[in-house]
N, C-alpha and C. Protein backbone atom coordinates (compact mmCIF):
# COMPACT_ATOMS: atom_id res chain seq x y z
N MET A 1 3.88 4.27 13.09
CA MET A 1 3.41 5.13 12.01
C MET A 1 3.12 4.26 10.78
N ILE A 2 1.97 4.52 10.19
CA ILE A 2 1.51 3.70 9.06
C ILE A 2 2.47 3.79 7.88
N PHE A 3 2.96 4.99 7.57
CA PHE A 3 3.83 5.15 6.41
C PHE A 3 5.09 4.29 6.53
N ASP A 4 5.70 4.29 7.70
CA ASP A 4 6.92 3.49 7.90
C ASP A 4 6.65 2.00 7.74
N LYS A 5 5.53 1.54 8.27
CA LYS A 5 5.17 0.12 8.14
C LYS A 5 4.87 -0.20 6.68
N LEU A 6 4.21 0.73 5.97
CA LEU A 6 3.92 0.51 4.55
C LEU A 6 5.20 0.35 3.74
N ILE A 7 6.21 1.13 4.06
CA ILE A 7 7.49 1.00 3.35
C ILE A 7 8.03 -0.42 3.51
N GLU A 8 7.94 -0.96 4.73
CA GLU A 8 8.38 -2.35 4.96
C GLU A 8 7.58 -3.32 4.10
N ILE A 9 6.26 -3.12 4.07
CA ILE A 9 5.39 -4.01 3.30
C ILE A 9 5.72 -3.89 1.82
N PHE A 10 5.88 -2.66 1.32
CA PHE A 10 6.24 -2.45 -0.08
C PHE A 10 7.55 -3.16 -0.40
N GLN A 11 8.53 -3.07 0.49
CA GLN A 11 9.83 -3.70 0.25
C GLN A 11 9.71 -5.22 0.17
N ASN A 12 8.80 -5.80 0.92
CA ASN A 12 8.58 -7.24 0.85
C ASN A 12 7.89 -7.65 -0.44
N VAL A 13 6.98 -6.81 -0.92
CA VAL A 13 6.19 -7.13 -2.11
C VAL A 13 6.95 -6.78 -3.39
N ILE A 14 7.60 -5.62 -3.39
CA ILE A 14 8.34 -5.15 -4.57
C ILE A 14 9.76 -4.75 -4.16
N PRO A 15 10.62 -5.73 -3.87
CA PRO A 15 11.96 -5.43 -3.38
C PRO A 15 12.83 -4.66 -4.37
N GLU A 16 12.46 -4.66 -5.64
CA GLU A 16 13.26 -3.93 -6.62
C GLU A 16 13.09 -2.42 -6.52
N VAL A 17 12.09 -1.96 -5.78
CA VAL A 17 11.89 -0.52 -5.59
C VAL A 17 12.63 -0.10 -4.32
N ASP A 18 13.50 0.88 -4.45
CA ASP A 18 14.26 1.39 -3.32
C ASP A 18 13.32 2.11 -2.35
N SER A 19 13.50 1.87 -1.06
CA SER A 19 12.62 2.49 -0.07
C SER A 19 12.68 4.02 -0.13
N GLY A 20 13.80 4.57 -0.57
CA GLY A 20 13.93 6.02 -0.71
C GLY A 20 13.09 6.59 -1.84
N ASP A 21 12.61 5.71 -2.73
CA ASP A 21 11.76 6.15 -3.84
C ASP A 21 10.28 6.10 -3.50
N ILE A 22 9.96 5.65 -2.29
CA ILE A 22 8.56 5.55 -1.88
C ILE A 22 8.20 6.77 -1.06
N HIS A 23 7.30 7.57 -1.59
CA HIS A 23 6.85 8.80 -0.93
C HIS A 23 5.33 8.76 -0.82
N LYS A 24 4.78 9.60 0.04
CA LYS A 24 3.33 9.61 0.22
C LYS A 24 2.59 9.95 -1.07
N ASP A 25 3.21 10.75 -1.94
CA ASP A 25 2.53 11.12 -3.19
C ASP A 25 2.91 10.21 -4.37
N SER A 26 3.65 9.15 -4.10
CA SER A 26 4.03 8.21 -5.16
C SER A 26 2.80 7.51 -5.71
N LEU A 27 2.73 7.44 -7.04
CA LEU A 27 1.64 6.71 -7.70
C LEU A 27 1.98 5.23 -7.68
N LEU A 28 1.02 4.41 -7.29
CA LEU A 28 1.27 2.98 -7.13
C LEU A 28 1.68 2.31 -8.43
N VAL A 29 1.00 2.64 -9.51
CA VAL A 29 1.28 1.99 -10.80
C VAL A 29 2.41 2.71 -11.53
N GLU A 30 2.25 4.00 -11.74
CA GLU A 30 3.20 4.75 -12.56
C GLU A 30 4.57 4.90 -11.91
N ASP A 31 4.61 5.22 -10.61
CA ASP A 31 5.89 5.47 -9.95
C ASP A 31 6.53 4.21 -9.36
N LEU A 32 5.71 3.35 -8.79
CA LEU A 32 6.24 2.18 -8.09
C LEU A 32 6.16 0.90 -8.91
N GLY A 33 5.49 0.97 -10.05
CA GLY A 33 5.46 -0.17 -10.96
C GLY A 33 4.58 -1.33 -10.54
N LEU A 34 3.59 -1.08 -9.67
CA LEU A 34 2.71 -2.16 -9.28
C LEU A 34 1.83 -2.59 -10.45
N ASN A 35 1.56 -3.88 -10.53
CA ASN A 35 0.63 -4.42 -11.52
C ASN A 35 -0.46 -5.15 -10.76
N SER A 36 -1.34 -5.83 -11.45
CA SER A 36 -2.47 -6.46 -10.77
C SER A 36 -2.01 -7.50 -9.74
N LEU A 37 -0.96 -8.24 -10.06
CA LEU A 37 -0.46 -9.25 -9.12
C LEU A 37 0.16 -8.61 -7.88
N THR A 38 1.03 -7.63 -8.09
CA THR A 38 1.68 -7.00 -6.93
C THR A 38 0.67 -6.19 -6.12
N MET A 39 -0.36 -5.65 -6.76
CA MET A 39 -1.42 -4.94 -6.03
C MET A 39 -2.15 -5.93 -5.11
N MET A 40 -2.42 -7.12 -5.63
CA MET A 40 -3.10 -8.13 -4.83
C MET A 40 -2.22 -8.57 -3.66
N LEU A 41 -0.94 -8.80 -3.92
CA LEU A 41 -0.02 -9.19 -2.85
C LEU A 41 0.11 -8.09 -1.79
N LEU A 42 0.14 -6.85 -2.24
CA LEU A 42 0.21 -5.72 -1.33
C LEU A 42 -1.05 -5.66 -0.47
N ALA A 43 -2.21 -5.81 -1.10
CA ALA A 43 -3.48 -5.78 -0.36
C ALA A 43 -3.54 -6.87 0.69
N VAL A 44 -3.13 -8.08 0.33
CA VAL A 44 -3.15 -9.20 1.28
C VAL A 44 -2.20 -8.93 2.45
N SER A 45 -1.03 -8.41 2.17
CA SER A 45 -0.07 -8.09 3.23
C SER A 45 -0.61 -7.03 4.17
N ILE A 46 -1.24 -6.00 3.61
CA ILE A 46 -1.82 -4.93 4.43
C ILE A 46 -3.00 -5.46 5.24
N GLU A 47 -3.83 -6.28 4.62
CA GLU A 47 -4.97 -6.87 5.33
C GLU A 47 -4.48 -7.70 6.52
N ASP A 48 -3.44 -8.49 6.31
CA ASP A 48 -2.88 -9.31 7.39
C ASP A 48 -2.29 -8.44 8.50
N GLU A 49 -1.59 -7.40 8.12
CA GLU A 49 -0.92 -6.54 9.10
C GLU A 49 -1.92 -5.75 9.95
N TYR A 50 -2.96 -5.23 9.31
CA TYR A 50 -3.88 -4.32 10.00
C TYR A 50 -5.24 -4.93 10.32
N GLY A 51 -5.48 -6.17 9.92
CA GLY A 51 -6.76 -6.82 10.22
C GLY A 51 -7.94 -6.15 9.54
N ILE A 52 -7.72 -5.66 8.33
CA ILE A 52 -8.78 -5.00 7.57
C ILE A 52 -9.02 -5.78 6.28
N THR A 53 -10.09 -5.41 5.58
CA THR A 53 -10.39 -6.00 4.29
C THR A 53 -10.56 -4.88 3.28
N PHE A 54 -9.91 -5.02 2.14
CA PHE A 54 -10.05 -4.02 1.08
C PHE A 54 -11.35 -4.25 0.32
N ASP A 55 -12.09 -3.18 0.10
CA ASP A 55 -13.28 -3.24 -0.73
C ASP A 55 -12.85 -3.24 -2.19
N ASP A 56 -13.55 -3.99 -3.02
CA ASP A 56 -13.24 -4.00 -4.45
C ASP A 56 -13.40 -2.63 -5.08
N SER A 57 -14.24 -1.79 -4.46
CA SER A 57 -14.51 -0.47 -5.02
C SER A 57 -13.48 0.58 -4.60
N ALA A 58 -12.54 0.21 -3.73
CA ALA A 58 -11.54 1.18 -3.25
C ALA A 58 -10.70 1.68 -4.42
N ARG A 59 -10.60 2.99 -4.54
CA ARG A 59 -9.81 3.63 -5.60
C ARG A 59 -8.52 4.14 -4.98
N LEU A 60 -7.50 3.33 -5.03
CA LEU A 60 -6.23 3.68 -4.42
C LEU A 60 -5.20 3.91 -5.52
N GLU A 61 -4.77 5.15 -5.64
CA GLU A 61 -3.82 5.50 -6.69
C GLU A 61 -2.45 5.89 -6.16
N THR A 62 -2.41 6.40 -4.93
CA THR A 62 -1.15 6.84 -4.35
C THR A 62 -0.91 6.15 -3.01
N VAL A 63 0.31 6.24 -2.53
CA VAL A 63 0.64 5.70 -1.21
C VAL A 63 -0.23 6.39 -0.16
N ASN A 64 -0.45 7.69 -0.30
CA ASN A 64 -1.27 8.42 0.65
C ASN A 64 -2.71 7.91 0.65
N ASP A 65 -3.22 7.50 -0.52
CA ASP A 65 -4.56 6.91 -0.58
C ASP A 65 -4.61 5.64 0.27
N VAL A 66 -3.56 4.85 0.21
CA VAL A 66 -3.49 3.61 0.99
C VAL A 66 -3.46 3.94 2.48
N ILE A 67 -2.66 4.93 2.86
CA ILE A 67 -2.58 5.35 4.26
C ILE A 67 -3.96 5.80 4.75
N SER A 68 -4.63 6.64 3.98
CA SER A 68 -5.96 7.14 4.36
C SER A 68 -6.95 6.00 4.50
N TYR A 69 -6.87 5.04 3.59
CA TYR A 69 -7.78 3.89 3.63
C TYR A 69 -7.55 3.08 4.90
N ILE A 70 -6.29 2.82 5.23
CA ILE A 70 -5.96 2.08 6.45
C ILE A 70 -6.45 2.83 7.67
N GLU A 71 -6.19 4.14 7.72
CA GLU A 71 -6.64 4.95 8.86
C GLU A 71 -8.15 4.88 9.02
N ASP A 72 -8.86 5.00 7.91
CA ASP A 72 -10.32 4.95 7.94
C ASP A 72 -10.81 3.60 8.44
N LYS A 73 -10.25 2.52 7.93
CA LYS A 73 -10.69 1.17 8.29
C LYS A 73 -10.31 0.78 9.72
N THR A 74 -9.20 1.28 10.23
CA THR A 74 -8.77 0.89 11.57
C THR A 74 -9.43 1.74 12.65
N GLN A 75 -10.07 2.84 12.28
CA GLN A 75 -10.75 3.68 13.26
C GLN A 75 -12.19 3.26 13.47
N LYS A 76 -12.66 2.28 12.71
CA LYS A 76 -14.06 1.85 12.83
C LYS A 76 -14.19 0.76 13.87
């Protein structure tokens, strides 16, 4: 399941965030505290895990947005 794997990836990138605080509707910046550096690290980790590439135009604001993006990219 993508969500469970994402929690692992989030924990590696931002270990200060408790996994219990990561929900599908969590906002990446406001709720999880991601900044430009951690967003980049997260993107690279996800790209490596799923063999996808993030478009610069991708508008990802929530964990669910990330899940949907991964699902879309891996189904092509």
